[in-house]
C-alpha atoms as a PDB file:
ATOM      1  CA  UNK A   1      47.020-175.570 -49.602  1.00  0.00           C
ATOM      2  CA  UNK A   2      47.106-179.177 -50.926  1.00  0.00           C
ATOM      3  CA  UNK A   3      50.292-181.165 -50.433  1.00  0.00           C
ATOM      4  CA  UNK A   4      52.168-181.861 -53.636  1.00  0.00           C
ATOM      5  CA  UNK A   5      52.683-185.395 -54.849  1.00  0.00           C
ATOM      6  CA  UNK A   6      56.130-186.968 -55.159  1.00  0.00           C
ATOM      7  CA  UNK A   7      55.979-186.637 -58.944  1.00  0.00           C
ATOM      8  CA  UNK A   8      55.254-182.899 -58.642  1.00  0.00           C
ATOM      9  CA  UNK A   9      58.155-182.502 -56.214  1.00  0.00           C
ATOM     10  CA  UNK A  10      60.465-184.313 -58.637  1.00  0.00           C
ATOM     11  CA  UNK A  11      59.281-182.006 -61.424  1.00  0.00           C
ATOM     12  CA  UNK A  12      59.990-178.966 -59.234  1.00  0.00           C
ATOM     13  CA  UNK A  13      63.491-180.269 -58.447  1.00  0.00           C
ATOM     14  CA  UNK A  14      64.185-180.902 -62.151  1.00  0.00           C
ATOM     15  CA  UNK A  15      63.031-177.400 -63.083  1.00  0.00           C
ATOM     16  CA  UNK A  16      65.087-175.945 -60.248  1.00  0.00           C
ATOM     17  CA  UNK A  17      68.194-177.766 -61.467  1.00  0.00           C
ATOM     18  CA  UNK A  18      67.640-176.481 -64.999  1.00  0.00           C
ATOM     19  CA  UNK A  19      67.316-172.925 -63.684  1.00  0.00           C
ATOM     20  CA  UNK A  20      70.533-173.238 -61.687  1.00  0.00           C
ATOM     21  CA  UNK A  21      72.417-174.541 -64.707  1.00  0.00           C
ATOM     22  CA  UNK A  22      71.310-171.540 -66.715  1.00  0.00           C
ATOM     23  CA  UNK A  23      72.760-169.258 -64.024  1.00  0.00           C
ATOM     24  CA  UNK A  24      69.475-167.706 -62.769  1.00  0.00           C
ATOM     25  CA  UNK A  25      67.151-169.526 -60.397  1.00  0.00           C
ATOM     26  CA  UNK A  26      63.435-169.090 -61.097  1.00  0.00           C
ATOM     27  CA  UNK A  27      60.186-170.101 -59.430  1.00  0.00           C
ATOM     28  CA  UNK A  28      58.646-173.204 -61.119  1.00  0.00           C
ATOM     29  CA  UNK A  29      55.108-171.859 -60.590  1.00  0.00           C
ATOM     30  CA  UNK A  30      55.250-168.232 -61.775  1.00  0.00           C
ATOM     31  CA  UNK A  31      58.788-168.219 -63.291  1.00  0.00           C
ATOM     32  CA  UNK A  32      59.743-165.256 -61.108  1.00  0.00           C
ATOM     33  CA  UNK A  33      63.345-164.596 -60.073  1.00  0.00           C
ATOM     34  CA  UNK A  34      62.275-162.704 -56.939  1.00  0.00           C
ATOM     35  CA  UNK A  35      63.374-165.362 -54.423  1.00  0.00           C
ATOM     36  CA  UNK A  36      64.391-164.846 -50.810  1.00  0.00           C
ATOM     37  CA  UNK A  37      65.664-166.962 -47.926  1.00  0.00           C
ATOM     38  CA  UNK A  38      63.737-166.920 -44.656  1.00  0.00           C
ATOM     39  CA  UNK A  39      66.199-166.094 -41.903  1.00  0.00           C
ATOM     40  CA  UNK A  40      64.316-167.848 -39.077  1.00  0.00           C
ATOM     41  CA  UNK A  41      63.346-171.091 -40.836  1.00  0.00           C
ATOM     42  CA  UNK A  42      65.925-171.306 -43.620  1.00  0.00           C
ATOM     43  CA  UNK A  43      63.356-171.705 -46.391  1.00  0.00           C
ATOM     44  CA  UNK A  44      63.744-170.497 -49.965  1.00  0.00           C
ATOM     45  CA  UNK A  45      60.497-168.684 -50.820  1.00  0.00           C
ATOM     46  CA  UNK A  46      59.145-167.000 -53.951  1.00  0.00           C
ATOM     47  CA  UNK A  47      58.154-163.455 -53.018  1.00  0.00           C
ATOM     48  CA  UNK A  48      55.528-163.222 -55.791  1.00  0.00           C
ATOM     49  CA  UNK A  49      53.436-166.387 -55.388  1.00  0.00           C
ATOM     50  CA  UNK A  50      54.607-167.641 -51.974  1.00  0.00           C
ATOM     51  CA  UNK A  51      55.808-171.076 -53.136  1.00  0.00           C
ATOM     52  CA  UNK A  52      58.385-172.721 -50.835  1.00  0.00           C
ATOM     53  CA  UNK A  53      61.152-174.007 -53.106  1.00  0.00           C
ATOM     54  CA  UNK A  54      63.422-175.398 -50.394  1.00  0.00           C
ATOM     55  CA  UNK A  55      62.901-176.239 -46.750  1.00  0.00           C
ATOM     56  CA  UNK A  56      64.757-177.932 -43.902  1.00  0.00           C
ATOM     57  CA  UNK A  57      68.079-176.407 -44.977  1.00  0.00           C
ATOM     58  CA  UNK A  58      71.129-177.092 -42.819  1.00  0.00           C
ATOM     59  CA  UNK A  59      71.884-174.132 -40.562  1.00  0.00           C
ATOM     60  CA  UNK A  60      75.652-173.638 -40.806  1.00  0.00           C
ATOM     61  CA  UNK A  61      75.741-170.949 -38.122  1.00  0.00           C
ATOM     62  CA  UNK A  62      76.533-171.369 -34.403  1.00  0.00           C
ATOM     63  CA  UNK A  63      74.220-173.285 -32.103  1.00  0.00           C
ATOM     64  CA  UNK A  64      73.739-170.239 -29.842  1.00  0.00           C
ATOM     65  CA  UNK A  65      71.641-167.150 -30.457  1.00  0.00           C
ATOM     66  CA  UNK A  66      72.690-163.536 -29.975  1.00  0.00           C
ATOM     67  CA  UNK A  67      70.587-160.415 -30.331  1.00  0.00           C
ATOM     68  CA  UNK A  68      73.264-157.718 -30.374  1.00  0.00           C
ATOM     69  CA  UNK A  69      76.978-157.258 -31.030  1.00  0.00           C
ATOM     70  CA  UNK A  70      78.091-157.494 -27.378  1.00  0.00           C
ATOM     71  CA  UNK A  71      76.290-160.823 -26.883  1.00  0.00           C
ATOM     72  CA  UNK A  72      77.798-162.130 -30.101  1.00  0.00           C
ATOM     73  CA  UNK A  73      81.297-161.156 -28.930  1.00  0.00           C
ATOM     74  CA  UNK A  74      80.788-162.808 -25.520  1.00  0.00           C
ATOM     75  CA  UNK A  75      79.473-166.098 -26.912  1.00  0.00           C
ATOM     76  CA  UNK A  76      81.931-166.393 -29.785  1.00  0.00           C
ATOM     77  CA  UNK A  77      84.530-169.109 -29.241  1.00  0.00           C
ATOM     78  CA  UNK A  78      86.842-168.301 -32.140  1.00  0.00           C
ATOM     79  CA  UNK A  79      89.798-165.956 -32.343  1.00  0.00           C
ATOM     80  CA  UNK A  80      90.631-163.140 -34.696  1.00  0.00           C
ATOM     81  CA  UNK A  81      90.973-163.965 -38.419  1.00  0.00           C
ATOM     82  CA  UNK A  82      94.401-164.541 -39.916  1.00  0.00           C
ATOM     83  CA  UNK A  83      96.110-161.442 -41.221  1.00  0.00           C
ATOM     84  CA  UNK A  84      99.135-160.752 -43.406  1.00  0.00           C
ATOM     85  CA  UNK A  85     100.078-157.712 -41.310  1.00  0.00           C
ATOM     86  CA  UNK A  86     101.681-159.881 -38.618  1.00  0.00           C
ATOM     87  CA  UNK A  87     104.778-161.990 -39.247  1.00  0.00           C
ATOM     88  CA  UNK A  88     103.063-165.122 -37.873  1.00  0.00           C
ATOM     89  CA  UNK A  89      99.735-164.200 -39.556  1.00  0.00           C
ATOM     90  CA  UNK A  90      98.095-163.837 -36.149  1.00  0.00           C
ATOM     91  CA  UNK A  91      98.413-167.552 -35.329  1.00  0.00           C
ATOM     92  CA  UNK A  92     100.049-167.012 -31.971  1.00  0.00           C
ATOM     93  CA  UNK A  93      99.367-166.836 -28.252  1.00  0.00           C
ATOM     94  CA  UNK A  94      99.461-163.630 -26.261  1.00  0.00           C
ATOM     95  CA  UNK A  95      99.792-163.434 -22.487  1.00  0.00           C
ATOM     96  CA  UNK A  96      97.786-160.542 -21.097  1.00  0.00           C
ATOM     97  CA  UNK A  97      99.623-157.818 -19.181  1.00  0.00           C
ATOM     98  CA  UNK A  98      96.826-157.114 -16.649  1.00  0.00           C
ATOM     99  CA  UNK A  99      98.148-159.656 -14.085  1.00  0.00           C
ATOM    100  CA  UNK A 100      94.656-160.902 -13.221  1.00  0.00           C
ATOM    101  CA  UNK A 101      93.126-164.362 -13.193  1.00  0.00           C
ATOM    102  CA  UNK A 102      90.070-165.598 -15.115  1.00  0.00           C
ATOM    103  CA  UNK A 103      87.726-164.081 -12.509  1.00  0.00           C
ATOM    104  CA  UNK A 104      89.344-160.634 -12.631  1.00  0.00           C
ATOM    105  CA  UNK A 105      91.111-160.999  -9.269  1.00  0.00           C
ATOM    106  CA  UNK A 106      94.688-159.800  -8.832  1.00  0.00           C
ATOM    107  CA  UNK A 107      97.288-162.561  -8.702  1.00  0.00           C
ATOM    108  CA  UNK A 108      99.984-162.941  -6.066  1.00  0.00           C
ATOM    109  CA  UNK A 109     103.453-161.408  -6.369  1.00  0.00           C
ATOM    110  CA  UNK A 110     104.995-164.856  -6.972  1.00  0.00           C
ATOM    111  CA  UNK A 111     102.572-165.560  -9.809  1.00  0.00           C
ATOM    112  CA  UNK A 112     103.083-162.050 -11.133  1.00  0.00           C
ATOM    113  CA  UNK A 113     106.851-162.515 -11.486  1.00  0.00           C
ATOM    114  CA  UNK A 114     106.267-165.924 -13.075  1.00  0.00           C
ATOM    115  CA  UNK A 115     103.852-164.427 -15.652  1.00  0.00           C
ATOM    116  CA  UNK A 116     106.374-161.660 -16.350  1.00  0.00           C
ATOM    117  CA  UNK A 117     109.028-164.263 -17.223  1.00  0.00           C
ATOM    118  CA  UNK A 118     106.552-166.232 -19.348  1.00  0.00           C
ATOM    119  CA  UNK A 119     105.502-163.078 -21.163  1.00  0.00           C
ATOM    120  CA  UNK A 120     109.130-162.167 -21.873  1.00  0.00           C
ATOM    121  CA  UNK A 121     109.983-165.604 -23.234  1.00  0.00           C
ATOM    122  CA  UNK A 122     106.774-165.691 -25.242  1.00  0.00           C
ATOM    123  CA  UNK A 123     107.885-162.525 -27.053  1.00  0.00           C
ATOM    124  CA  UNK A 124     111.341-163.996 -27.643  1.00  0.00           C
ATOM    125  CA  UNK A 125     110.206-167.320 -29.128  1.00  0.00           C
ATOM    126  CA  UNK A 126     107.677-165.697 -31.503  1.00  0.00           C
ATOM    127  CA  UNK A 127     110.578-165.036 -33.888  1.00  0.00           C
ATOM    128  CA  UNK A 128     112.803-168.049 -34.438  1.00  0.00           C
ATOM    129  CA  UNK A 129     115.486-166.467 -36.649  1.00  0.00           C
ATOM    130  CA  UNK A 130     116.781-163.181 -38.059  1.00  0.00           C
ATOM    131  CA  UNK A 131     114.538-163.426 -41.124  1.00  0.00           C
ATOM    132  CA  UNK A 132     111.388-163.474 -39.007  1.00  0.00           C
ATOM    133  CA  UNK A 133     112.695-160.630 -36.843  1.00  0.00           C
ATOM    134  CA  UNK A 134     113.302-158.527 -39.955  1.00  0.00           C
ATOM    135  CA  UNK A 135     109.833-159.373 -41.266  1.00  0.00           C
ATOM    136  CA  UNK A 136     108.312-158.419 -37.924  1.00  0.00           C
ATOM    137  CA  UNK A 137     110.150-155.084 -37.979  1.00  0.00           C
ATOM    138  CA  UNK A 138     109.119-154.362 -41.594  1.00  0.00           C
ATOM    139  CA  UNK A 139     105.445-155.147 -40.974  1.00  0.00           C
ATOM    140  CA  UNK A 140     105.440-152.987 -37.845  1.00  0.00           C
ATOM    141  CA  UNK A 141     106.929-150.133 -39.917  1.00  0.00           C
ATOM    142  CA  UNK A 142     104.186-150.577 -42.552  1.00  0.00           C
ATOM    143  CA  UNK A 143     101.551-150.488 -39.804  1.00  0.00           C
ATOM    144  CA  UNK A 144     103.064-147.350 -38.258  1.00  0.00           C
ATOM    145  CA  UNK A 145     103.257-145.461 -41.564  1.00  0.00           C
ATOM    146  CA  UNK A 146      99.777-146.588 -42.606  1.00  0.00           C
ATOM    147  CA  UNK A 147      98.370-145.267 -39.325  1.00  0.00           C
ATOM    148  CA  UNK A 148     100.134-141.934 -39.846  1.00  0.00           C
ATOM    149  CA  UNK A 149      98.751-141.683 -43.404  1.00  0.00           C
ATOM    150  CA  UNK A 150      95.247-142.675 -42.315  1.00  0.00           C
ATOM    151  CA  UNK A 151      94.810-145.399 -44.951  1.00  0.00           C
ATOM    152  CA  UNK A 152      92.290-148.260 -44.502  1.00  0.00           C
ATOM    153  CA  UNK A 153      93.072-151.767 -43.308  1.00  0.00           C
ATOM    154  CA  UNK A 154      92.930-153.219 -46.828  1.00  0.00           C
ATOM    155  CA  UNK A 155      95.958-151.120 -47.865  1.00  0.00           C
ATOM    156  CA  UNK A 156      98.000-152.525 -44.977  1.00  0.00           C
ATOM    157  CA  UNK A 157      97.084-156.072 -46.002  1.00  0.00           C
ATOM    158  CA  UNK A 158      98.102-155.438 -49.634  1.00  0.00           C
ATOM    159  CA  UNK A 159     101.350-153.754 -48.566  1.00  0.00           C
ATOM    160  CA  UNK A 160     102.193-156.720 -46.331  1.00  0.00           C
ATOM    161  CA  UNK A 161     101.525-159.179 -49.176  1.00  0.00           C
ATOM    162  CA  UNK A 162     103.760-157.176 -51.540  1.00  0.00           C
ATOM    163  CA  UNK A 163     106.559-157.088 -48.937  1.00  0.00           C
ATOM    164  CA  UNK A 164     106.292-160.850 -48.382  1.00  0.00           C
ATOM    165  CA  UNK A 165     106.572-161.370 -52.146  1.00  0.00           C
ATOM    166  CA  UNK A 166     109.634-159.098 -52.272  1.00  0.00           C
ATOM    167  CA  UNK A 167     111.185-161.048 -49.380  1.00  0.00           C
ATOM    168  CA  UNK A 168     110.476-164.364 -51.121  1.00  0.00           C
ATOM    169  CA  UNK A 169     112.094-163.101 -54.352  1.00  0.00           C
ATOM    170  CA  UNK A 170     115.147-161.915 -52.346  1.00  0.00           C
ATOM    171  CA  UNK A 171     114.678-158.261 -53.335  1.00  0.00           C
ATOM    172  CA  UNK A 172     115.596-156.994 -49.861  1.00  0.00           C
ATOM    173  CA  UNK A 173     119.271-157.890 -50.123  1.00  0.00           C
ATOM    174  CA  UNK A 174     121.416-154.767 -50.416  1.00  0.00           C
ATOM    175  CA  UNK A 175     118.531-152.423 -49.550  1.00  0.00           C
ATOM    176  CA  UNK A 176     117.214-151.033 -46.312  1.00  0.00           C
ATOM    177  CA  UNK A 177     114.195-152.719 -44.734  1.00  0.00           C
ATOM    178  CA  UNK A 178     112.544-149.322 -44.165  1.00  0.00           C
ATOM    179  CA  UNK A 179     113.012-148.358 -47.822  1.00  0.00           C
ATOM    180  CA  UNK A 180     111.432-151.547 -49.161  1.00  0.00           C
ATOM    181  CA  UNK A 181     108.600-151.382 -46.603  1.00  0.00           C
ATOM    182  CA  UNK A 182     107.832-147.771 -47.558  1.00  0.00           C
ATOM    183  CA  UNK A 183     107.875-148.540 -51.284  1.00  0.00           C
ATOM    184  CA  UNK A 184     105.515-151.490 -50.712  1.00  0.00           C
ATOM    185  CA  UNK A 185     103.115-149.217 -48.828  1.00  0.00           C
ATOM    186  CA  UNK A 186     103.207-146.642 -51.641  1.00  0.00           C
ATOM    187  CA  UNK A 187     102.570-149.407 -54.201  1.00  0.00           C
ATOM    188  CA  UNK A 188      99.623-150.685 -52.128  1.00  0.00           C
ATOM    189  CA  UNK A 189      98.111-147.182 -51.992  1.00  0.00           C
ATOM    190  CA  UNK A 190      98.295-146.959 -55.788  1.00  0.00           C
ATOM    191  CA  UNK A 191      96.843-150.437 -56.311  1.00  0.00           C
ATOM    192  CA  UNK A 192      93.929-149.772 -53.952  1.00  0.00           C
ATOM    193  CA  UNK A 193      93.201-146.347 -55.458  1.00  0.00           C
ATOM    194  CA  UNK A 194      94.017-144.448 -52.238  1.00  0.00           C
ATOM    195  CA  UNK A 195      95.478-141.054 -53.250  1.00  0.00           C
ATOM    196  CA  UNK A 196      98.752-140.576 -51.398  1.00  0.00           C
ATOM    197  CA  UNK A 197     101.630-138.806 -53.110  1.00  0.00           C
ATOM    198  CA  UNK A 198     105.276-139.859 -52.822  1.00  0.00           C
ATOM    199  CA  UNK A 199     105.964-136.689 -50.811  1.00  0.00           C
ATOM    200  CA  UNK A 200     103.279-137.595 -48.243  1.00  0.00           C
ATOM    201  CA  UNK A 201     104.637-141.136 -47.876  1.00  0.00           C
ATOM    202  CA  UNK A 202     108.199-139.806 -47.510  1.00  0.00           C
ATOM    203  CA  UNK A 203     107.067-137.499 -44.680  1.00  0.00           C
ATOM    204  CA  UNK A 204     106.058-140.422 -42.430  1.00  0.00           C
ATOM    205  CA  UNK A 205     109.014-142.605 -43.466  1.00  0.00           C
ATOM    206  CA  UNK A 206     112.545-142.697 -42.102  1.00  0.00           C
ATOM    207  CA  UNK A 207     113.937-142.878 -45.655  1.00  0.00           C
ATOM    208  CA  UNK A 208     114.475-140.007 -48.081  1.00  0.00           C
ATOM    209  CA  UNK A 209     112.192-139.571 -51.091  1.00  0.00           C
ATOM    210  CA  UNK A 210     114.810-140.483 -53.724  1.00  0.00           C
ATOM    211  CA  UNK A 211     115.472-143.893 -52.207  1.00  0.00           C
ATOM    212  CA  UNK A 212     111.736-144.588 -51.889  1.00  0.00           C
ATOM    213  CA  UNK A 213     111.137-143.770 -55.551  1.00  0.00           C
ATOM    214  CA  UNK A 214     114.138-145.823 -56.682  1.00  0.00           C
ATOM    215  CA  UNK A 215     113.132-148.839 -54.559  1.00  0.00           C
ATOM    216  CA  UNK A 216     109.496-148.573 -55.644  1.00  0.00           C
ATOM    217  CA  UNK A 217     110.424-148.711 -59.337  1.00  0.00           C
ATOM    218  CA  UNK A 218     112.693-151.706 -58.715  1.00  0.00           C
ATOM    219  CA  UNK A 219     110.074-153.643 -56.711  1.00  0.00           C
ATOM    220  CA  UNK A 220     107.292-152.849 -59.191  1.00  0.00           C
ATOM    221  CA  UNK A 221     109.446-154.035 -62.084  1.00  0.00           C
ATOM    222  CA  UNK A 222     110.714-157.232 -60.442  1.00  0.00           C
ATOM    223  CA  UNK A 223     107.285-158.283 -59.117  1.00  0.00           C
ATOM    224  CA  UNK A 224     105.498-157.224 -62.340  1.00  0.00           C
ATOM    225  CA  UNK A 225     103.059-154.992 -60.465  1.00  0.00           C
ATOM    226  CA  UNK A 226     100.614-153.574 -62.974  1.00  0.00           C
ATOM    227  CA  UNK A 227     100.312-149.945 -61.948  1.00  0.00           C
ATOM    228  CA  UNK A 228      97.919-147.621 -63.712  1.00  0.00           C
ATOM    229  CA  UNK A 229      98.769-143.904 -63.926  1.00  0.00           C
ATOM    230  CA  UNK A 230      97.487-141.917 -60.963  1.00  0.00           C
ATOM    231  CA  UNK A 231      94.255-140.073 -61.746  1.00  0.00           C
ATOM    232  CA  UNK A 232      94.413-136.441 -60.519  1.00  0.00           C
ATOM    233  CA  UNK A 233      90.678-136.590 -59.758  1.00  0.00           C
ATOM    234  CA  UNK A 234      91.450-138.919 -56.839  1.00  0.00           C
ATOM    235  CA  UNK A 235      93.158-136.014 -55.036  1.00  0.00           C
ATOM    236  CA  UNK A 236      90.369-133.481 -55.641  1.00  0.00           C
ATOM    237  CA  UNK A 237      87.941-134.522 -52.819  1.00  0.00           C
ATOM    238  CA  UNK A 238      90.669-134.542 -50.144  1.00  0.00           C
ATOM    239  CA  UNK A 239      92.210-131.222 -51.213  1.00  0.00           C
ATOM    240  CA  UNK A 240      88.778-129.618 -51.546  1.00  0.00           C
ATOM    241  CA  UNK A 241      87.772-130.864 -48.092  1.00  0.00           C
ATOM    242  CA  UNK A 242      90.853-129.309 -46.505  1.00  0.00           C
ATOM    243  CA  UNK A 243      90.139-126.037 -48.368  1.00  0.00           C
ATOM    244  CA  UNK A 244      86.436-126.157 -47.371  1.00  0.00           C
ATOM    245  CA  UNK A 245      85.119-125.928 -50.950  1.00  0.00           C
ATOM    246  CA  UNK A 246      81.566-126.741 -52.006  1.00  0.00           C
ATOM    247  CA  UNK A 247      80.310-129.447 -54.373  1.00  0.00           C
ATOM    248  CA  UNK A 248      79.983-127.065 -57.318  1.00  0.00           C
ATOM    249  CA  UNK A 249      83.698-126.235 -57.174  1.00  0.00           C
ATOM    250  CA  UNK A 250      84.622-129.924 -56.890  1.00  0.00           C
ATOM    251  CA  UNK A 251      82.518-130.776 -59.954  1.00  0.00           C
ATOM    252  CA  UNK A 252      84.088-127.900 -61.897  1.00  0.00           C
ATOM    253  CA  UNK A 253      87.600-129.056 -60.958  1.00  0.00           C
ATOM    254  CA  UNK A 254      86.828-132.588 -62.188  1.00  0.00           C
ATOM    255  CA  UNK A 255      85.460-131.137 -65.425  1.00  0.00           C
ATOM    256  CA  UNK A 256      88.650-129.104 -65.947  1.00  0.00           C
ATOM    257  CA  UNK A 257      90.783-132.222 -65.393  1.00  0.00           C
ATOM    258  CA  UNK A 258      88.705-134.265 -67.873  1.00  0.00           C
ATOM    259  CA  UNK A 259      88.905-131.623 -70.611  1.00  0.00           C
ATOM    260  CA  UNK A 260      92.640-131.071 -70.060  1.00  0.00           C
ATOM    261  CA  UNK A 261      93.367-134.813 -70.061  1.00  0.00           C
ATOM    262  CA  UNK A 262      91.468-135.281 -73.343  1.00  0.00           C
ATOM    263  CA  UNK A 263      93.831-132.767 -74.971  1.00  0.00           C
ATOM    264  CA  UNK A 264      96.901-134.647 -73.700  1.00  0.00           C
ATOM    265  CA  UNK A 265      98.020-132.080 -71.124  1.00  0.00           C
ATOM    266  CA  UNK A 266      98.261-134.660 -68.316  1.00  0.00           C
ATOM    267  CA  UNK A 267     101.121-136.620 -69.876  1.00  0.00           C
ATOM    268  CA  UNK A 268     104.330-136.211 -67.881  1.00  0.00           C
ATOM    269  CA  UNK A 269     102.733-133.920 -65.271  1.00  0.00           C
ATOM    270  CA  UNK A 270     102.515-134.458 -61.536  1.00  0.00           C
ATOM    271  CA  UNK A 271      98.950-135.540 -60.616  1.00  0.00           C
ATOM    272  CA  UNK A 272      99.004-133.560 -57.359  1.00  0.00           C
ATOM    273  CA  UNK A 273     100.075-130.357 -59.139  1.00  0.00           C
ATOM    274  CA  UNK A 274      97.496-130.950 -61.873  1.00  0.00           C
ATOM    275  CA  UNK A 275      94.723-131.455 -59.306  1.00  0.00           C
ATOM    276  CA  UNK A 276      95.834-128.393 -57.319  1.00  0.00           C
ATOM    277  CA  UNK A 277      95.762-126.172 -60.426  1.00  0.00           C
ATOM    278  CA  UNK A 278      92.296-127.475 -61.365  1.00  0.00           C
ATOM    279  CA  UNK A 279      91.012-126.679 -57.875  1.00  0.00           C
ATOM    280  CA  UNK A 280      92.508-123.187 -58.038  1.00  0.00           C
ATOM    281  CA  UNK A 281      90.935-122.552 -61.460  1.00  0.00           C
ATOM    282  CA  UNK A 282      87.569-123.958 -60.334  1.00  0.00           C
ATOM    283  CA  UNK A 283      87.570-121.769 -57.208  1.00  0.00           C
ATOM    284  CA  UNK A 284      88.046-118.664 -59.379  1.00  0.00           C
ATOM    285  CA  UNK A 285      85.322-119.706 -61.843  1.00  0.00           C
ATOM    286  CA  UNK A 286      82.833-120.504 -59.060  1.00  0.00           C
ATOM    287  CA  UNK A 287      83.520-117.277 -57.098  1.00  0.00           C
ATOM    288  CA  UNK A 288      84.970-119.201 -54.157  1.00  0.00           C
ATOM    289  CA  UNK A 289      88.428-117.719 -54.410  1.00  0.00           C
ATOM    290  CA  UNK A 290      91.443-119.359 -52.798  1.00  0.00           C
ATOM    291  CA  UNK A 291      94.979-118.044 -53.084  1.00  0.00           C
ATOM    292  CA  UNK A 292      97.709-119.992 -54.803  1.00  0.00           C
ATOM    293  CA  UNK A 293      99.570-120.217 -51.515  1.00  0.00           C
ATOM    294  CA  UNK A 294      96.588-121.842 -49.743  1.00  0.00           C
ATOM    295  CA  UNK A 295      96.164-124.441 -52.480  1.00  0.00           C
ATOM    296  CA  UNK A 296      99.919-125.065 -52.708  1.00  0.00           C
ATOM    297  CA  UNK A 297     100.194-125.702 -48.951  1.00  0.00           C
ATOM    298  CA  UNK A 298      97.390-128.269 -49.027  1.00  0.00           C
ATOM    299  CA  UNK A 299      98.676-130.068 -52.135  1.00  0.00           C
ATOM    300  CA  UNK A 300     102.343-129.810 -51.080  1.00  0.00           C
ATOM    301  CA  UNK A 301     103.435-128.304 -54.408  1.00  0.00           C
ATOM    302  CA  UNK A 302     104.955-124.938 -55.309  1.00  0.00           C
ATOM    303  CA  UNK A 303     103.040-121.889 -56.473  1.00  0.00           C
ATOM    304  CA  UNK A 304     105.054-121.945 -59.717  1.00  0.00           C
ATOM    305  CA  UNK A 305     103.678-125.420 -60.496  1.00  0.00           C
ATOM    306  CA  UNK A 306     100.131-124.239 -59.899  1.00  0.00           C
ATOM    307  CA  UNK A 307     100.614-121.177 -62.141  1.00  0.00           C
ATOM    308  CA  UNK A 308     102.063-123.219 -64.993  1.00  0.00           C
ATOM    309  CA  UNK A 309      99.361-125.904 -64.879  1.00  0.00           C
ATOM    310  CA  UNK A 310      96.683-123.226 -64.410  1.00  0.00           C
ATOM    311  CA  UNK A 311      97.670-121.435 -67.617  1.00  0.00           C
ATOM    312  CA  UNK A 312      97.584-124.702 -69.578  1.00  0.00           C
ATOM    313  CA  UNK A 313      94.181-125.699 -68.191  1.00  0.00           C
ATOM    314  CA  UNK A 314      92.621-122.268 -68.817  1.00  0.00           C
ATOM    315  CA  UNK A 315      93.780-122.374 -72.452  1.00  0.00           C
ATOM    316  CA  UNK A 316      92.347-125.887 -72.797  1.00  0.00           C
ATOM    317  CA  UNK A 317      89.001-124.641 -71.452  1.00  0.00           C
ATOM    318  CA  UNK A 318      88.952-121.852 -74.048  1.00  0.00           C
ATOM    319  CA  UNK A 319      89.313-118.975 -71.581  1.00  0.00           C
ATOM    320  CA  UNK A 320      91.712-116.091 -72.106  1.00  0.00           C
END
């Protein structure tokens, strides 16, 4: 292939700049948008005609090479990323408890007692005042409850950010640290679309449900947290999994919820009770019968709630 002249290269660069300004980069030869970057040479290549649009790119990765995850972990010289779930955001030093040197050999008893003292003072100086100690306790409570609820890491990060905002706005004064931490975790679950009811959060907390609900409403109002109403369909997959229901029943339950919500039956109703009644109705319609007691135990609602919502949903579906 003949080497392009400088004028042709300038024309290619001008056309490339125009394409970038328009928002979509195209090949100057065939005007294709099917472009890819070569991982080994760092070249930008058109997949259709083979034209090399860019070459000799700066490799911003590490200077070493690794072929699997273990090699990458061994050669990496950086620490863990910063996180909001720790009071110092992870920017701290930790002294290992194994009492071994860099070569894995056991250290002497004198060194061991010295490392014990260093480790103890390291834990003490991580928190410089009462405010940091309270923040450390609150974030550890959020981490404990999140682990018990089985929510992902992103929820813990959001809950920690909400708690830090509440602390900055001085919303903790006059309220228990556990109550505010629990309400922040419940708010994070709602913001991230993770279906956890107030009853489930109260089970893993050391605070009663009334205080959690009262603190949650106060924090949401003061921090202007935009909370959308909980969709009952978010609870259907988890409840159905615990009841061992098939996909047909799950789809029918979602259909019942959609039709009932269109007729305004969802307003003012508990989403967990609404989802439980839809699952019970769907199990009857799909010949995969579950008792009201079984569904009520999984959804943590009463059988009376299921019966009331069931009657409303069946009427909405047009069944007698």
